[in-house]
């Protein structure tokens, strides 16, 4: 008996044997678990959007206060007195 034949025989024996009893509330538990996962995912997604919005507002406030687009005054050269 080769390796694939032996595996097929094992599978046939497992399928022919007694089947396990399925709990009667399995579908209800699975549906509740799915609802919980969706609710958790919805909360996480909302939290990420709130954080992104807060970051955008903080960046806009910083940009208004700091004005990074304005060229700083040229204080790096010494004054030219006495020429």
N, C-alpha and C. Protein backbone atom coordinates (compact mmCIF):
# COMPACT_ATOMS: atom_id res chain seq x y z
N UNK A 1 0.85 -1.17 0.00
CA UNK A 1 0.00 0.00 0.00
C UNK A 1 0.90 1.23 0.00
N UNK A 2 0.69 2.10 -0.97
CA UNK A 2 1.53 3.28 -1.06
C UNK A 2 1.02 4.37 -0.12
N UNK A 3 1.77 5.47 -0.04
CA UNK A 3 1.45 6.55 0.89
C UNK A 3 0.09 7.20 0.59
N UNK A 4 -0.23 7.58 -0.66
CA UNK A 4 -1.56 8.17 -0.89
C UNK A 4 -2.70 7.21 -0.59
N UNK A 5 -2.52 5.90 -0.86
CA UNK A 5 -3.57 4.93 -0.57
C UNK A 5 -3.81 4.83 0.93
N UNK A 6 -2.75 4.86 1.72
CA UNK A 6 -2.87 4.75 3.16
C UNK A 6 -3.61 5.98 3.71
N UNK A 7 -3.30 7.15 3.19
CA UNK A 7 -3.99 8.36 3.64
C UNK A 7 -5.46 8.31 3.28
N UNK A 8 -5.77 7.84 2.10
CA UNK A 8 -7.17 7.73 1.70
C UNK A 8 -7.91 6.75 2.60
N UNK A 9 -7.28 5.66 2.94
CA UNK A 9 -7.91 4.68 3.83
C UNK A 9 -8.16 5.27 5.21
N UNK A 10 -7.21 6.05 5.72
CA UNK A 10 -7.40 6.69 7.03
C UNK A 10 -8.57 7.66 7.00
N UNK A 11 -8.66 8.41 5.93
CA UNK A 11 -9.77 9.37 5.80
C UNK A 11 -11.09 8.63 5.71
N UNK A 12 -11.15 7.56 4.96
CA UNK A 12 -12.39 6.79 4.84
C UNK A 12 -12.81 6.19 6.19
N UNK A 13 -11.83 5.70 6.96
CA UNK A 13 -12.15 5.15 8.28
C UNK A 13 -12.68 6.24 9.21
N UNK A 14 -12.09 7.45 9.16
CA UNK A 14 -12.57 8.53 10.02
C UNK A 14 -13.98 8.96 9.63
N UNK A 15 -14.25 9.00 8.32
CA UNK A 15 -15.57 9.43 7.87
C UNK A 15 -16.63 8.36 8.11
N UNK A 16 -16.25 7.10 8.11
CA UNK A 16 -17.21 6.03 8.34
C UNK A 16 -17.54 5.85 9.82
N UNK A 17 -16.69 6.36 10.69
CA UNK A 17 -16.89 6.19 12.13
C UNK A 17 -18.03 7.06 12.64
N UNK A 18 -18.22 7.02 13.96
CA UNK A 18 -19.31 7.81 14.55
C UNK A 18 -19.00 9.30 14.43
N UNK A 19 -20.01 10.07 14.09
CA UNK A 19 -19.85 11.51 13.94
C UNK A 19 -20.07 12.20 15.29
N UNK A 20 -19.30 13.24 15.59
CA UNK A 20 -19.47 13.92 16.88
C UNK A 20 -20.80 14.66 16.93
N UNK A 21 -21.31 14.81 18.13
CA UNK A 21 -22.58 15.51 18.33
C UNK A 21 -22.32 17.01 18.27
N UNK A 22 -23.12 17.71 17.48
CA UNK A 22 -22.99 19.15 17.34
C UNK A 22 -23.90 19.80 18.38
N UNK A 23 -23.37 20.76 19.15
CA UNK A 23 -24.22 21.42 20.14
C UNK A 23 -25.40 22.11 19.46
N UNK A 24 -26.57 22.08 20.06
CA UNK A 24 -27.74 22.67 19.42
C UNK A 24 -27.67 24.19 19.30
N UNK A 25 -26.88 24.84 20.16
CA UNK A 25 -26.80 26.30 20.10
C UNK A 25 -25.56 26.78 19.37
N UNK A 26 -24.96 25.91 18.56
CA UNK A 26 -23.73 26.27 17.86
C UNK A 26 -23.95 27.43 16.90
N UNK A 27 -25.03 27.42 16.13
CA UNK A 27 -25.29 28.48 15.16
C UNK A 27 -25.52 29.81 15.87
N UNK A 28 -26.26 29.78 16.98
CA UNK A 28 -26.52 31.02 17.72
C UNK A 28 -25.23 31.58 18.31
N UNK A 29 -24.37 30.70 18.83
CA UNK A 29 -23.10 31.17 19.39
C UNK A 29 -22.20 31.73 18.30
N UNK A 30 -22.19 31.09 17.15
CA UNK A 30 -21.36 31.58 16.04
C UNK A 30 -21.87 32.93 15.55
N UNK A 31 -23.19 33.09 15.47
CA UNK A 31 -23.75 34.37 15.03
C UNK A 31 -23.43 35.47 16.04
N UNK A 32 -23.52 35.17 17.33
CA UNK A 32 -23.20 36.16 18.37
C UNK A 32 -21.73 36.53 18.31
N UNK A 33 -20.87 35.55 18.10
CA UNK A 33 -19.44 35.83 17.98
C UNK A 33 -19.16 36.72 16.77
N UNK A 34 -19.84 36.45 15.66
CA UNK A 34 -19.68 37.29 14.48
C UNK A 34 -20.15 38.71 14.72
N UNK A 35 -21.28 38.86 15.44
CA UNK A 35 -21.76 40.21 15.77
C UNK A 35 -20.76 40.94 16.65
N UNK A 36 -20.17 40.24 17.60
CA UNK A 36 -19.17 40.87 18.47
C UNK A 36 -17.94 41.30 17.68
N UNK A 37 -17.51 40.45 16.75
CA UNK A 37 -16.36 40.81 15.93
C UNK A 37 -16.66 42.04 15.07
N UNK A 38 -17.84 42.08 14.49
CA UNK A 38 -18.20 43.25 13.67
C UNK A 38 -18.30 44.51 14.51
N UNK A 39 -18.87 44.40 15.70
CA UNK A 39 -18.98 45.57 16.57
C UNK A 39 -17.60 46.05 16.99
N UNK A 40 -16.72 45.13 17.34
CA UNK A 40 -15.36 45.51 17.72
C UNK A 40 -14.64 46.18 16.56
N UNK A 41 -14.79 45.62 15.37
CA UNK A 41 -14.16 46.20 14.19
C UNK A 41 -14.71 47.59 13.90
N UNK A 42 -16.01 47.77 14.10
CA UNK A 42 -16.64 49.08 13.89
C UNK A 42 -16.09 50.10 14.89
N UNK A 43 -15.93 49.70 16.15
CA UNK A 43 -15.40 50.61 17.18
C UNK A 43 -13.95 50.98 16.87
N UNK A 44 -13.15 50.00 16.48
CA UNK A 44 -11.75 50.28 16.15
C UNK A 44 -11.67 51.22 14.95
N UNK A 45 -12.49 50.99 13.94
CA UNK A 45 -12.47 51.85 12.77
C UNK A 45 -12.86 53.28 13.14
N UNK A 46 -13.87 53.45 13.99
CA UNK A 46 -14.28 54.78 14.43
C UNK A 46 -13.17 55.45 15.23
N UNK A 47 -12.49 54.69 16.08
CA UNK A 47 -11.39 55.25 16.87
C UNK A 47 -10.24 55.71 15.97
N UNK A 48 -9.95 54.94 14.95
CA UNK A 48 -8.89 55.34 14.02
C UNK A 48 -9.27 56.62 13.30
N UNK A 49 -10.52 56.75 12.88
CA UNK A 49 -10.95 57.98 12.22
C UNK A 49 -10.88 59.17 13.16
N UNK A 50 -11.24 58.97 14.43
CA UNK A 50 -11.16 60.07 15.41
C UNK A 50 -9.70 60.49 15.60
N UNK A 51 -8.79 59.53 15.70
CA UNK A 51 -7.37 59.85 15.87
C UNK A 51 -6.85 60.58 14.64
N UNK A 52 -7.22 60.14 13.45
CA UNK A 52 -6.77 60.82 12.24
C UNK A 52 -7.32 62.24 12.16
N UNK A 53 -8.57 62.42 12.54
CA UNK A 53 -9.16 63.76 12.53
C UNK A 53 -8.46 64.65 13.56
N UNK A 54 -8.18 64.12 14.74
CA UNK A 54 -7.48 64.90 15.76
C UNK A 54 -6.07 65.27 15.29
N UNK A 55 -5.39 64.36 14.61
CA UNK A 55 -4.06 64.65 14.08
C UNK A 55 -4.12 65.74 13.02
N UNK A 56 -5.14 65.69 12.16
CA UNK A 56 -5.28 66.73 11.14
C UNK A 56 -5.57 68.09 11.77
N UNK A 57 -6.40 68.13 12.78
CA UNK A 57 -6.70 69.39 13.46
C UNK A 57 -5.45 69.91 14.18
N UNK A 58 -4.71 69.03 14.84
CA UNK A 58 -3.48 69.45 15.51
C UNK A 58 -2.45 69.97 14.51
N UNK A 59 -2.33 69.32 13.38
CA UNK A 59 -1.40 69.79 12.36
C UNK A 59 -1.82 71.15 11.82
N UNK A 60 -3.10 71.32 11.58
CA UNK A 60 -3.58 72.62 11.08
C UNK A 60 -3.34 73.71 12.11
N UNK A 61 -3.59 73.43 13.39
CA UNK A 61 -3.35 74.43 14.44
C UNK A 61 -1.86 74.77 14.51
N UNK A 62 -1.00 73.76 14.44
CA UNK A 62 0.43 74.03 14.46
C UNK A 62 0.85 74.87 13.26
N UNK A 63 0.32 74.55 12.09
CA UNK A 63 0.69 75.28 10.88
C UNK A 63 0.24 76.74 10.97
N UNK A 64 -0.91 77.00 11.56
CA UNK A 64 -1.38 78.38 11.69
C UNK A 64 -0.48 79.14 12.66
N UNK A 65 -0.07 78.50 13.74
CA UNK A 65 0.75 79.18 14.74
C UNK A 65 2.20 79.33 14.26
N UNK A 66 2.79 78.28 13.74
CA UNK A 66 4.20 78.30 13.37
C UNK A 66 4.45 78.95 12.02
N UNK A 67 3.51 78.92 11.15
CA UNK A 67 3.62 79.45 9.78
C UNK A 67 4.93 78.98 9.11
N UNK A 68 5.06 77.68 8.85
CA UNK A 68 6.30 77.17 8.29
C UNK A 68 6.54 77.60 6.84
N UNK A 69 5.57 78.18 6.19
CA UNK A 69 5.73 78.61 4.81
C UNK A 69 6.39 79.99 4.73
N UNK A 70 6.47 80.73 5.86
CA UNK A 70 7.09 82.05 5.87
C UNK A 70 8.60 81.89 5.98
N UNK A 71 9.33 82.65 5.16
CA UNK A 71 10.79 82.58 5.18
C UNK A 71 11.28 83.29 6.43
N UNK A 72 12.14 82.63 7.22
CA UNK A 72 12.63 83.28 8.44
C UNK A 72 13.55 84.47 8.09
N UNK A 73 13.65 85.46 8.98
CA UNK A 73 14.53 86.60 8.69
C UNK A 73 15.99 86.14 8.63
N UNK A 74 16.77 86.85 7.87
CA UNK A 74 18.17 86.47 7.68
C UNK A 74 19.02 87.10 8.78
N UNK A 75 19.17 86.40 9.86
CA UNK A 75 20.00 86.84 10.97
C UNK A 75 21.33 86.10 11.01
N UNK A 76 21.68 85.43 9.92
CA UNK A 76 22.88 84.60 9.94
C UNK A 76 24.12 85.38 9.50
N UNK A 77 23.96 86.50 8.81
CA UNK A 77 25.14 87.25 8.34
C UNK A 77 25.40 88.40 9.31
N UNK A 78 26.63 88.75 9.50
CA UNK A 78 26.93 89.85 10.41
C UNK A 78 26.55 91.20 9.75
N UNK A 79 26.26 92.16 10.57
CA UNK A 79 25.95 93.47 9.98
C UNK A 79 27.17 94.08 9.29
N UNK A 80 26.92 94.85 8.24
CA UNK A 80 28.02 95.44 7.46
C UNK A 80 28.19 96.91 7.87
N UNK A 81 28.67 97.16 9.05
CA UNK A 81 28.91 98.52 9.51
C UNK A 81 30.36 98.91 9.26
N UNK A 82 30.60 100.19 8.96
CA UNK A 82 31.94 100.67 8.79
C UNK A 82 32.53 100.52 7.40
N UNK A 83 31.75 100.37 6.41
CA UNK A 83 32.29 100.26 5.06
C UNK A 83 32.45 101.62 4.49
